[in-house]
Amino acid sequence: MLINHDLPQASIYYISYLILKKVGKCNTYVDLFLNLKREYDINFRLFDLSLDLLFMMNKIRVEKNGVIICL
């Protein structure tokens, strides 16, 4: 699930990388997803799992107003 050898751009690690690249340019959870969806055509399930991974690794933080911040 973490690494998809047949389709590496559909792996959680790759999508986490994309999220970290975009997190400064998009403010909220929805903005970030829509921006990545438009540019890379990712699905919501992998996006959410990737955010969970980054949160558990202490790479991102979600503020009270819903803004995602890269640490």
C-alpha atoms as a PDB file:
ATOM      1  CA  MET A   1       0.000   0.000   0.000  1.00  0.00           C
ATOM      2  CA  LEU A   2       2.830   2.409   0.756  1.00  0.00           C
ATOM      3  CA  ILE A   3       4.763   1.656  -2.444  1.00  0.00           C
ATOM      4  CA  ASN A   4       3.034   0.687  -5.655  1.00  0.00           C
ATOM      5  CA  HIS A   5       5.716  -0.824  -7.919  1.00  0.00           C
ATOM      6  CA  ASP A   6       3.409  -0.928 -10.933  1.00  0.00           C
ATOM      7  CA  LEU A   7       2.306   2.688 -10.566  1.00  0.00           C
ATOM      8  CA  PRO A   8       4.768   4.560  -8.307  1.00  0.00           C
ATOM      9  CA  GLN A   9       2.928   7.887  -8.653  1.00  0.00           C
ATOM     10  CA  ALA A  10      -0.015   6.262  -6.845  1.00  0.00           C
ATOM     11  CA  SER A  11       2.017   5.519  -3.707  1.00  0.00           C
ATOM     12  CA  ILE A  12       1.527   7.208  -0.364  1.00  0.00           C
ATOM     13  CA  TYR A  13       5.183   8.265  -0.282  1.00  0.00           C
ATOM     14  CA  TYR A  14       4.946  10.018  -3.644  1.00  0.00           C
ATOM     15  CA  ILE A  15       1.698  11.782  -2.776  1.00  0.00           C
ATOM     16  CA  SER A  16       3.210  12.834   0.567  1.00  0.00           C
ATOM     17  CA  TYR A  17       6.061  14.411  -1.371  1.00  0.00           C
ATOM     18  CA  LEU A  18       3.564  16.281  -3.566  1.00  0.00           C
ATOM     19  CA  ILE A  19       1.703  17.479  -0.484  1.00  0.00           C
ATOM     20  CA  LEU A  20       4.889  18.814   1.081  1.00  0.00           C
ATOM     21  CA  LYS A  21       5.682  20.668  -2.154  1.00  0.00           C
ATOM     22  CA  LYS A  22       2.242  22.312  -2.256  1.00  0.00           C
ATOM     23  CA  VAL A  23       1.468  22.861   1.431  1.00  0.00           C
ATOM     24  CA  GLY A  24       2.866  26.409   1.465  1.00  0.00           C
ATOM     25  CA  LYS A  25       0.881  27.469  -1.594  1.00  0.00           C
ATOM     26  CA  CYS A  26      -2.505  26.149  -0.434  1.00  0.00           C
ATOM     27  CA  ASN A  27      -4.031  27.110   2.860  1.00  0.00           C
ATOM     28  CA  THR A  28      -6.702  24.587   3.697  1.00  0.00           C
ATOM     29  CA  TYR A  29      -7.298  20.867   3.407  1.00  0.00           C
ATOM     30  CA  VAL A  30      -9.824  21.289   0.595  1.00  0.00           C
ATOM     31  CA  ASP A  31      -7.689  23.791  -1.329  1.00  0.00           C
ATOM     32  CA  LEU A  32      -4.719  21.463  -1.122  1.00  0.00           C
ATOM     33  CA  PHE A  33      -6.695  18.458  -2.332  1.00  0.00           C
ATOM     34  CA  LEU A  34      -8.315  20.335  -5.220  1.00  0.00           C
ATOM     35  CA  ASN A  35      -4.975  21.773  -6.309  1.00  0.00           C
ATOM     36  CA  LEU A  36      -3.318  18.346  -6.306  1.00  0.00           C
ATOM     37  CA  LYS A  37      -6.333  16.711  -7.935  1.00  0.00           C
ATOM     38  CA  ARG A  38      -6.284  19.230 -10.767  1.00  0.00           C
ATOM     39  CA  GLU A  39      -2.544  18.899 -11.357  1.00  0.00           C
ATOM     40  CA  TYR A  40      -1.839  15.205 -10.629  1.00  0.00           C
ATOM     41  CA  ASP A  41      -5.273  13.501 -10.691  1.00  0.00           C
ATOM     42  CA  ILE A  42      -4.924  11.826  -7.288  1.00  0.00           C
ATOM     43  CA  ASN A  43      -7.803  10.207  -5.436  1.00  0.00           C
ATOM     44  CA  PHE A  44      -9.098  11.366  -2.068  1.00  0.00           C
ATOM     45  CA  ARG A  45      -8.318   8.131  -0.219  1.00  0.00           C
ATOM     46  CA  LEU A  46      -4.592   8.276  -1.050  1.00  0.00           C
ATOM     47  CA  PHE A  47      -4.508  11.998  -0.320  1.00  0.00           C
ATOM     48  CA  ASP A  48      -6.012  11.432   3.130  1.00  0.00           C
ATOM     49  CA  LEU A  49      -3.675   8.516   3.917  1.00  0.00           C
ATOM     50  CA  SER A  50      -0.698  10.605   2.828  1.00  0.00           C
ATOM     51  CA  LEU A  51      -1.747  13.457   5.112  1.00  0.00           C
ATOM     52  CA  ASP A  52      -2.097  10.982   7.977  1.00  0.00           C
ATOM     53  CA  LEU A  53       1.429   9.701   7.322  1.00  0.00           C
ATOM     54  CA  LEU A  54       2.872  13.228   7.297  1.00  0.00           C
ATOM     55  CA  PHE A  55       0.998  14.095  10.491  1.00  0.00           C
ATOM     56  CA  MET A  56       2.261  10.964  12.280  1.00  0.00           C
ATOM     57  CA  MET A  57       5.806  11.724  11.114  1.00  0.00           C
ATOM     58  CA  ASN A  58       5.407  15.240  12.583  1.00  0.00           C
ATOM     59  CA  LYS A  59       5.993  16.887   9.191  1.00  0.00           C
ATOM     60  CA  ILE A  60       2.735  18.867   9.116  1.00  0.00           C
ATOM     61  CA  ARG A  61       0.410  20.477  11.626  1.00  0.00           C
ATOM     62  CA  VAL A  62      -3.212  21.552  11.269  1.00  0.00           C
ATOM     63  CA  GLU A  63      -4.102  24.843  12.904  1.00  0.00           C
ATOM     64  CA  LYS A  64      -7.454  25.489  14.616  1.00  0.00           C
ATOM     65  CA  ASN A  65      -8.686  27.393  11.560  1.00  0.00           C
ATOM     66  CA  GLY A  66      -7.922  24.401   9.280  1.00  0.00           C
ATOM     67  CA  VAL A  67      -4.700  25.749   7.788  1.00  0.00           C
ATOM     68  CA  ILE A  68      -2.056  23.078   7.163  1.00  0.00           C
ATOM     69  CA  ILE A  69       1.496  24.098   8.100  1.00  0.00           C
ATOM     70  CA  CYS A  70       4.716  22.343   7.134  1.00  0.00           C
ATOM     71  CA  LEU A  71       7.046  21.891  10.127  1.00  0.00           C
END
